[in-house]
């Protein structure tokens, strides 16, 4: 559940922050790049962050599980 929450937070709130608050997309759109490329990059970044978060959470779960059964 935590991995899914982190993935959805990264995909939704961080993208909103870059669009609305930081105005990052406005700066990006001033260079010769298509909107499709920016959206694809946002999706890939969110996927990478969610994958990284999931791996870390599973690693902690595995470490705690091994510690529990050894002791």
PDB file of N, CA and C in Angstrom:
ATOM      1  N   UNK A   1       0.824  -1.178   0.000  1.00  0.00           N
ATOM      2  CA  UNK A   1       0.000   0.000   0.000  1.00  0.00           C
ATOM      3  C   UNK A   1       0.875   1.252   0.000  1.00  0.00           C
ATOM      4  N   UNK A   2       1.969   1.193   0.727  1.00  0.00           N
ATOM      5  CA  UNK A   2       2.873   2.344   0.782  1.00  0.00           C
ATOM      6  C   UNK A   2       3.523   2.599  -0.574  1.00  0.00           C
ATOM      7  N   UNK A   3       3.891   1.529  -1.276  1.00  0.00           N
ATOM      8  CA  UNK A   3       4.495   1.692  -2.600  1.00  0.00           C
ATOM      9  C   UNK A   3       3.493   2.315  -3.576  1.00  0.00           C
ATOM     10  N   UNK A   4       2.254   1.886  -3.514  1.00  0.00           N
ATOM     11  CA  UNK A   4       1.226   2.436  -4.395  1.00  0.00           C
ATOM     12  C   UNK A   4       0.948   3.894  -4.046  1.00  0.00           C
ATOM     13  N   UNK A   5       0.942   4.227  -2.767  1.00  0.00           N
ATOM     14  CA  UNK A   5       0.723   5.603  -2.347  1.00  0.00           C
ATOM     15  C   UNK A   5       1.861   6.497  -2.827  1.00  0.00           C
ATOM     16  N   UNK A   6       3.090   6.025  -2.697  1.00  0.00           N
ATOM     17  CA  UNK A   6       4.240   6.813  -3.154  1.00  0.00           C
ATOM     18  C   UNK A   6       4.197   7.020  -4.661  1.00  0.00           C
ATOM     19  N   UNK A   7       3.809   5.994  -5.403  1.00  0.00           N
ATOM     20  CA  UNK A   7       3.739   6.108  -6.862  1.00  0.00           C
ATOM     21  C   UNK A   7       2.661   7.089  -7.289  1.00  0.00           C
ATOM     22  N   UNK A   8       1.498   6.991  -6.677  1.00  0.00           N
ATOM     23  CA  UNK A   8       0.421   7.905  -7.068  1.00  0.00           C
ATOM     24  C   UNK A   8       0.728   9.334  -6.632  1.00  0.00           C
ATOM     25  N   UNK A   9       1.370   9.511  -5.481  1.00  0.00           N
ATOM     26  CA  UNK A   9       1.753  10.851  -5.044  1.00  0.00           C
ATOM     27  C   UNK A   9       2.749  11.469  -6.012  1.00  0.00           C
ATOM     28  N   UNK A  10       3.736  10.688  -6.424  1.00  0.00           N
ATOM     29  CA  UNK A  10       4.748  11.200  -7.362  1.00  0.00           C
ATOM     30  C   UNK A  10       4.116  11.547  -8.705  1.00  0.00           C
ATOM     31  N   UNK A  11       3.209  10.718  -9.163  1.00  0.00           N
ATOM     32  CA  UNK A  11       2.604  10.951 -10.472  1.00  0.00           C
ATOM     33  C   UNK A  11       1.637  12.127 -10.452  1.00  0.00           C
ATOM     34  N   UNK A  12       0.947  12.333  -9.356  1.00  0.00           N
ATOM     35  CA  UNK A  12      -0.094  13.357  -9.339  1.00  0.00           C
ATOM     36  C   UNK A  12       0.384  14.684  -8.747  1.00  0.00           C
ATOM     37  N   UNK A  13       0.814  14.666  -7.503  1.00  0.00           N
ATOM     38  CA  UNK A  13       1.126  15.926  -6.841  1.00  0.00           C
ATOM     39  C   UNK A  13       2.394  16.574  -7.381  1.00  0.00           C
ATOM     40  N   UNK A  14       3.422  15.782  -7.630  1.00  0.00           N
ATOM     41  CA  UNK A  14       4.667  16.354  -8.134  1.00  0.00           C
ATOM     42  C   UNK A  14       4.489  16.939  -9.527  1.00  0.00           C
ATOM     43  N   UNK A  15       3.732  16.271 -10.359  1.00  0.00           N
ATOM     44  CA  UNK A  15       3.459  16.814 -11.693  1.00  0.00           C
ATOM     45  C   UNK A  15       2.645  18.102 -11.582  1.00  0.00           C
ATOM     46  N   UNK A  16       1.659  18.110 -10.694  1.00  0.00           N
ATOM     47  CA  UNK A  16       0.875  19.326 -10.487  1.00  0.00           C
ATOM     48  C   UNK A  16       1.757  20.469  -9.995  1.00  0.00           C
ATOM     49  N   UNK A  17       2.659  20.166  -9.086  1.00  0.00           N
ATOM     50  CA  UNK A  17       3.554  21.190  -8.560  1.00  0.00           C
ATOM     51  C   UNK A  17       4.454  21.766  -9.653  1.00  0.00           C
ATOM     52  N   UNK A  18       4.960  20.887 -10.530  1.00  0.00           N
ATOM     53  CA  UNK A  18       5.805  21.381 -11.626  1.00  0.00           C
ATOM     54  C   UNK A  18       5.014  22.191 -12.648  1.00  0.00           C
ATOM     55  N   UNK A  19       3.737  21.892 -12.786  1.00  0.00           N
ATOM     56  CA  UNK A  19       2.913  22.639 -13.740  1.00  0.00           C
ATOM     57  C   UNK A  19       2.464  23.967 -13.139  1.00  0.00           C
ATOM     58  N   UNK A  20       1.898  23.918 -11.950  1.00  0.00           N
ATOM     59  CA  UNK A  20       1.201  25.066 -11.386  1.00  0.00           C
ATOM     60  C   UNK A  20       2.091  25.958 -10.521  1.00  0.00           C
ATOM     61  N   UNK A  21       2.823  25.391  -9.601  1.00  0.00           N
ATOM     62  CA  UNK A  21       3.569  26.171  -8.621  1.00  0.00           C
ATOM     63  C   UNK A  21       4.923  26.605  -9.161  1.00  0.00           C
ATOM     64  N   UNK A  22       5.715  25.649  -9.639  1.00  0.00           N
ATOM     65  CA  UNK A  22       7.068  25.958 -10.092  1.00  0.00           C
ATOM     66  C   UNK A  22       7.118  26.514 -11.511  1.00  0.00           C
ATOM     67  N   UNK A  23       6.092  26.272 -12.285  1.00  0.00           N
ATOM     68  CA  UNK A  23       6.036  26.698 -13.690  1.00  0.00           C
ATOM     69  C   UNK A  23       7.181  26.111 -14.519  1.00  0.00           C
ATOM     70  N   UNK A  24       7.565  24.884 -14.191  1.00  0.00           N
ATOM     71  CA  UNK A  24       8.652  24.231 -14.910  1.00  0.00           C
ATOM     72  C   UNK A  24       8.254  23.940 -16.349  1.00  0.00           C
ATOM     73  N   UNK A  25       7.027  23.517 -16.545  1.00  0.00           N
ATOM     74  CA  UNK A  25       6.590  23.183 -17.898  1.00  0.00           C
ATOM     75  C   UNK A  25       6.582  24.417 -18.800  1.00  0.00           C
ATOM     76  N   UNK A  26       6.287  25.581 -18.250  1.00  0.00           N
ATOM     77  CA  UNK A  26       6.329  26.804 -19.057  1.00  0.00           C
ATOM     78  C   UNK A  26       7.742  27.046 -19.574  1.00  0.00           C
ATOM     79  N   UNK A  27       8.731  26.827 -18.717  1.00  0.00           N
ATOM     80  CA  UNK A  27      10.114  26.983 -19.147  1.00  0.00           C
ATOM     81  C   UNK A  27      10.519  25.936 -20.168  1.00  0.00           C
ATOM     82  N   UNK A  28      10.058  24.701 -19.969  1.00  0.00           N
ATOM     83  CA  UNK A  28      10.392  23.628 -20.905  1.00  0.00           C
ATOM     84  C   UNK A  28       9.769  23.899 -22.266  1.00  0.00           C
ATOM     85  N   UNK A  29       8.551  24.428 -22.272  1.00  0.00           N
ATOM     86  CA  UNK A  29       7.866  24.640 -23.550  1.00  0.00           C
ATOM     87  C   UNK A  29       8.450  25.806 -24.349  1.00  0.00           C
ATOM     88  N   UNK A  30       9.385  26.565 -23.777  1.00  0.00           N
ATOM     89  CA  UNK A  30      10.048  27.631 -24.521  1.00  0.00           C
ATOM     90  C   UNK A  30      11.174  27.111 -25.401  1.00  0.00           C
ATOM     91  N   UNK A  31      11.548  25.867 -25.246  1.00  0.00           N
ATOM     92  CA  UNK A  31      12.555  25.255 -26.098  1.00  0.00           C
ATOM     93  C   UNK A  31      11.842  24.380 -27.123  1.00  0.00           C
ATOM     94  N   UNK A  32      12.522  24.007 -28.193  1.00  0.00           N
ATOM     95  CA  UNK A  32      11.847  23.208 -29.232  1.00  0.00           C
ATOM     96  C   UNK A  32      11.622  21.754 -28.797  1.00  0.00           C
ATOM     97  N   UNK A  33      10.583  21.543 -28.032  1.00  0.00           N
ATOM     98  CA  UNK A  33      10.213  20.203 -27.585  1.00  0.00           C
ATOM     99  C   UNK A  33       8.692  20.096 -27.647  1.00  0.00           C
ATOM    100  N   UNK A  34       8.222  18.899 -27.938  1.00  0.00           N
ATOM    101  CA  UNK A  34       6.776  18.699 -28.031  1.00  0.00           C
ATOM    102  C   UNK A  34       6.192  18.380 -26.663  1.00  0.00           C
ATOM    103  N   UNK A  35       4.929  18.665 -26.498  1.00  0.00           N
ATOM    104  CA  UNK A  35       4.232  18.372 -25.246  1.00  0.00           C
ATOM    105  C   UNK A  35       4.222  16.874 -24.972  1.00  0.00           C
ATOM    106  N   UNK A  36       4.122  16.064 -26.021  1.00  0.00           N
ATOM    107  CA  UNK A  36       4.143  14.607 -25.851  1.00  0.00           C
ATOM    108  C   UNK A  36       5.440  14.147 -25.188  1.00  0.00           C
ATOM    109  N   UNK A  37       6.556  14.777 -25.548  1.00  0.00           N
ATOM    110  CA  UNK A  37       7.839  14.411 -24.950  1.00  0.00           C
ATOM    111  C   UNK A  37       7.873  14.745 -23.464  1.00  0.00           C
ATOM    112  N   UNK A  38       7.304  15.876 -23.098  1.00  0.00           N
ATOM    113  CA  UNK A  38       7.279  16.287 -21.687  1.00  0.00           C
ATOM    114  C   UNK A  38       6.394  15.337 -20.882  1.00  0.00           C
ATOM    115  N   UNK A  39       5.255  14.986 -21.426  1.00  0.00           N
ATOM    116  CA  UNK A  39       4.339  14.069 -20.729  1.00  0.00           C
ATOM    117  C   UNK A  39       4.978  12.687 -20.598  1.00  0.00           C
ATOM    118  N   UNK A  40       5.645  12.217 -21.638  1.00  0.00           N
ATOM    119  CA  UNK A  40       6.329  10.933 -21.573  1.00  0.00           C
ATOM    120  C   UNK A  40       7.432  10.955 -20.516  1.00  0.00           C
ATOM    121  N   UNK A  41       8.174  12.041 -20.460  1.00  0.00           N
ATOM    122  CA  UNK A  41       9.223  12.166 -19.450  1.00  0.00           C
ATOM    123  C   UNK A  41       8.633  12.160 -18.041  1.00  0.00           C
ATOM    124  N   UNK A  42       7.509  12.832 -17.838  1.00  0.00           N
ATOM    125  CA  UNK A  42       6.846  12.819 -16.525  1.00  0.00           C
ATOM    126  C   UNK A  42       6.413  11.405 -16.149  1.00  0.00           C
ATOM    127  N   UNK A  43       5.871  10.673 -17.116  1.00  0.00           N
ATOM    128  CA  UNK A  43       5.426   9.312 -16.853  1.00  0.00           C
ATOM    129  C   UNK A  43       6.601   8.390 -16.532  1.00  0.00           C
ATOM    130  N   UNK A  44       7.688   8.525 -17.272  1.00  0.00           N
ATOM    131  CA  UNK A  44       8.866   7.709 -17.009  1.00  0.00           C
ATOM    132  C   UNK A  44       9.485   8.031 -15.657  1.00  0.00           C
ATOM    133  N   UNK A  45       9.522   9.318 -15.296  1.00  0.00           N
ATOM    134  CA  UNK A  45      10.069   9.710 -14.006  1.00  0.00           C
ATOM    135  C   UNK A  45       9.222   9.131 -12.866  1.00  0.00           C
ATOM    136  N   UNK A  46       7.906   9.222 -13.002  1.00  0.00           N
ATOM    137  CA  UNK A  46       7.020   8.671 -11.968  1.00  0.00           C
ATOM    138  C   UNK A  46       7.178   7.151 -11.876  1.00  0.00           C
ATOM    139  N   UNK A  47       7.326   6.489 -13.008  1.00  0.00           N
ATOM    140  CA  UNK A  47       7.505   5.035 -13.004  1.00  0.00           C
ATOM    141  C   UNK A  47       8.825   4.656 -12.345  1.00  0.00           C
ATOM    142  N   UNK A  48       9.892   5.400 -12.630  1.00  0.00           N
ATOM    143  CA  UNK A  48      11.187   5.112 -12.019  1.00  0.00           C
ATOM    144  C   UNK A  48      11.149   5.338 -10.508  1.00  0.00           C
ATOM    145  N   UNK A  49      10.530   6.429 -10.094  1.00  0.00           N
ATOM    146  CA  UNK A  49      10.443   6.709  -8.664  1.00  0.00           C
ATOM    147  C   UNK A  49       9.608   5.648  -7.941  1.00  0.00           C
ATOM    148  N   UNK A  50       8.520   5.210  -8.561  1.00  0.00           N
ATOM    149  CA  UNK A  50       7.690   4.192  -7.921  1.00  0.00           C
ATOM    150  C   UNK A  50       8.421   2.848  -7.879  1.00  0.00           C
ATOM    151  N   UNK A  51       9.185   2.534  -8.920  1.00  0.00           N
ATOM    152  CA  UNK A  51       9.969   1.302  -8.919  1.00  0.00           C
ATOM    153  C   UNK A  51      11.033   1.351  -7.817  1.00  0.00           C
ATOM    154  N   UNK A  52      11.729   2.466  -7.703  1.00  0.00           N
ATOM    155  CA  UNK A  52      12.739   2.623  -6.669  1.00  0.00           C
ATOM    156  C   UNK A  52      12.125   2.514  -5.273  1.00  0.00           C
ATOM    157  N   UNK A  53      11.004   3.172  -5.072  1.00  0.00           N
ATOM    158  CA  UNK A  53      10.332   3.109  -3.775  1.00  0.00           C
ATOM    159  C   UNK A  53       9.885   1.689  -3.458  1.00  0.00           C
ATOM    160  N   UNK A  54       9.354   0.994  -4.433  1.00  0.00           N
ATOM    161  CA  UNK A  54       8.903  -0.385  -4.219  1.00  0.00           C
ATOM    162  C   UNK A  54      10.071  -1.295  -3.869  1.00  0.00           C
ATOM    163  N   UNK A  55      11.197  -1.120  -4.554  1.00  0.00           N
ATOM    164  CA  UNK A  55      12.370  -1.949  -4.272  1.00  0.00           C
ATOM    165  C   UNK A  55      12.877  -1.690  -2.849  1.00  0.00           C
ATOM    166  N   UNK A  56      12.906  -0.439  -2.444  1.00  0.00           N
ATOM    167  CA  UNK A  56      13.367  -0.117  -1.086  1.00  0.00           C
ATOM    168  C   UNK A  56      12.417  -0.708  -0.045  1.00  0.00           C
ATOM    169  N   UNK A  57      11.126  -0.575  -0.252  1.00  0.00           N
ATOM    170  CA  UNK A  57      10.145  -1.114   0.700  1.00  0.00           C
ATOM    171  C   UNK A  57      10.249  -2.640   0.770  1.00  0.00           C
ATOM    172  N   UNK A  58      10.380  -3.291  -0.376  1.00  0.00           N
ATOM    173  CA  UNK A  58      10.526  -4.748  -0.369  1.00  0.00           C
ATOM    174  C   UNK A  58      11.835  -5.175   0.286  1.00  0.00           C
ATOM    175  N   UNK A  59      12.893  -4.393   0.091  1.00  0.00           N
ATOM    176  CA  UNK A  59      14.164  -4.695   0.739  1.00  0.00           C
ATOM    177  C   UNK A  59      14.066  -4.604   2.255  1.00  0.00           C
ATOM    178  N   UNK A  60      13.404  -3.588   2.740  1.00  0.00           N
ATOM    179  CA  UNK A  60      13.209  -3.453   4.188  1.00  0.00           C
ATOM    180  C   UNK A  60      12.349  -4.594   4.716  1.00  0.00           C
ATOM    181  N   UNK A  61      11.309  -4.937   3.983  1.00  0.00           N
ATOM    182  CA  UNK A  61      10.459  -6.055   4.413  1.00  0.00           C
ATOM    183  C   UNK A  61      11.255  -7.359   4.462  1.00  0.00           C
ATOM    184  N   UNK A  62      12.086  -7.579   3.467  1.00  0.00           N
ATOM    185  CA  UNK A  62      12.889  -8.795   3.430  1.00  0.00           C
ATOM    186  C   UNK A  62      13.883  -8.825   4.588  1.00  0.00           C
ATOM    187  N   UNK A  63      14.526  -7.690   4.853  1.00  0.00           N
ATOM    188  CA  UNK A  63      15.486  -7.630   5.955  1.00  0.00           C
ATOM    189  C   UNK A  63      14.805  -7.875   7.293  1.00  0.00           C
ATOM    190  N   UNK A  64      13.645  -7.283   7.484  1.00  0.00           N
ATOM    191  CA  UNK A  64      12.935  -7.485   8.749  1.00  0.00           C
ATOM    192  C   UNK A  64      12.421  -8.914   8.890  1.00  0.00           C
ATOM    193  N   UNK A  65      12.012  -9.515   7.794  1.00  0.00           N
ATOM    194  CA  UNK A  65      11.512 -10.886   7.826  1.00  0.00           C
ATOM    195  C   UNK A  65      12.644 -11.850   8.148  1.00  0.00           C
ATOM    196  N   UNK A  66      13.803 -11.665   7.537  1.00  0.00           N
ATOM    197  CA  UNK A  66      14.939 -12.549   7.819  1.00  0.00           C
ATOM    198  C   UNK A  66      15.400 -12.394   9.263  1.00  0.00           C
ATOM    199  N   UNK A  67      15.383 -11.178   9.767  1.00  0.00           N
ATOM    200  CA  UNK A  67      15.804 -10.934  11.143  1.00  0.00           C
ATOM    201  C   UNK A  67      14.842 -11.613  12.124  1.00  0.00           C
ATOM    202  N   UNK A  68      13.570 -11.568  11.803  1.00  0.00           N
ATOM    203  CA  UNK A  68      12.553 -12.159  12.691  1.00  0.00           C
ATOM    204  C   UNK A  68      12.697 -13.662  12.779  1.00  0.00           C
ATOM    205  N   UNK A  69      12.937 -14.320  11.645  1.00  0.00           N
ATOM    206  CA  UNK A  69      13.019 -15.772  11.647  1.00  0.00           C
ATOM    207  C   UNK A  69      14.371 -16.296  12.128  1.00  0.00           C
ATOM    208  N   UNK A  70      15.397 -15.488  12.131  1.00  0.00           N
ATOM    209  CA  UNK A  70      16.692 -15.916  12.641  1.00  0.00           C
ATOM    210  C   UNK A  70      16.745 -15.838  14.163  1.00  0.00           C
ATOM    211  N   UNK A  71      16.116 -14.817  14.722  1.00  0.00           N
ATOM    212  CA  UNK A  71      16.230 -14.583  16.155  1.00  0.00           C
ATOM    213  C   UNK A  71      15.239 -15.336  16.926  1.00  0.00           C
TER     214      UNK A  71
END
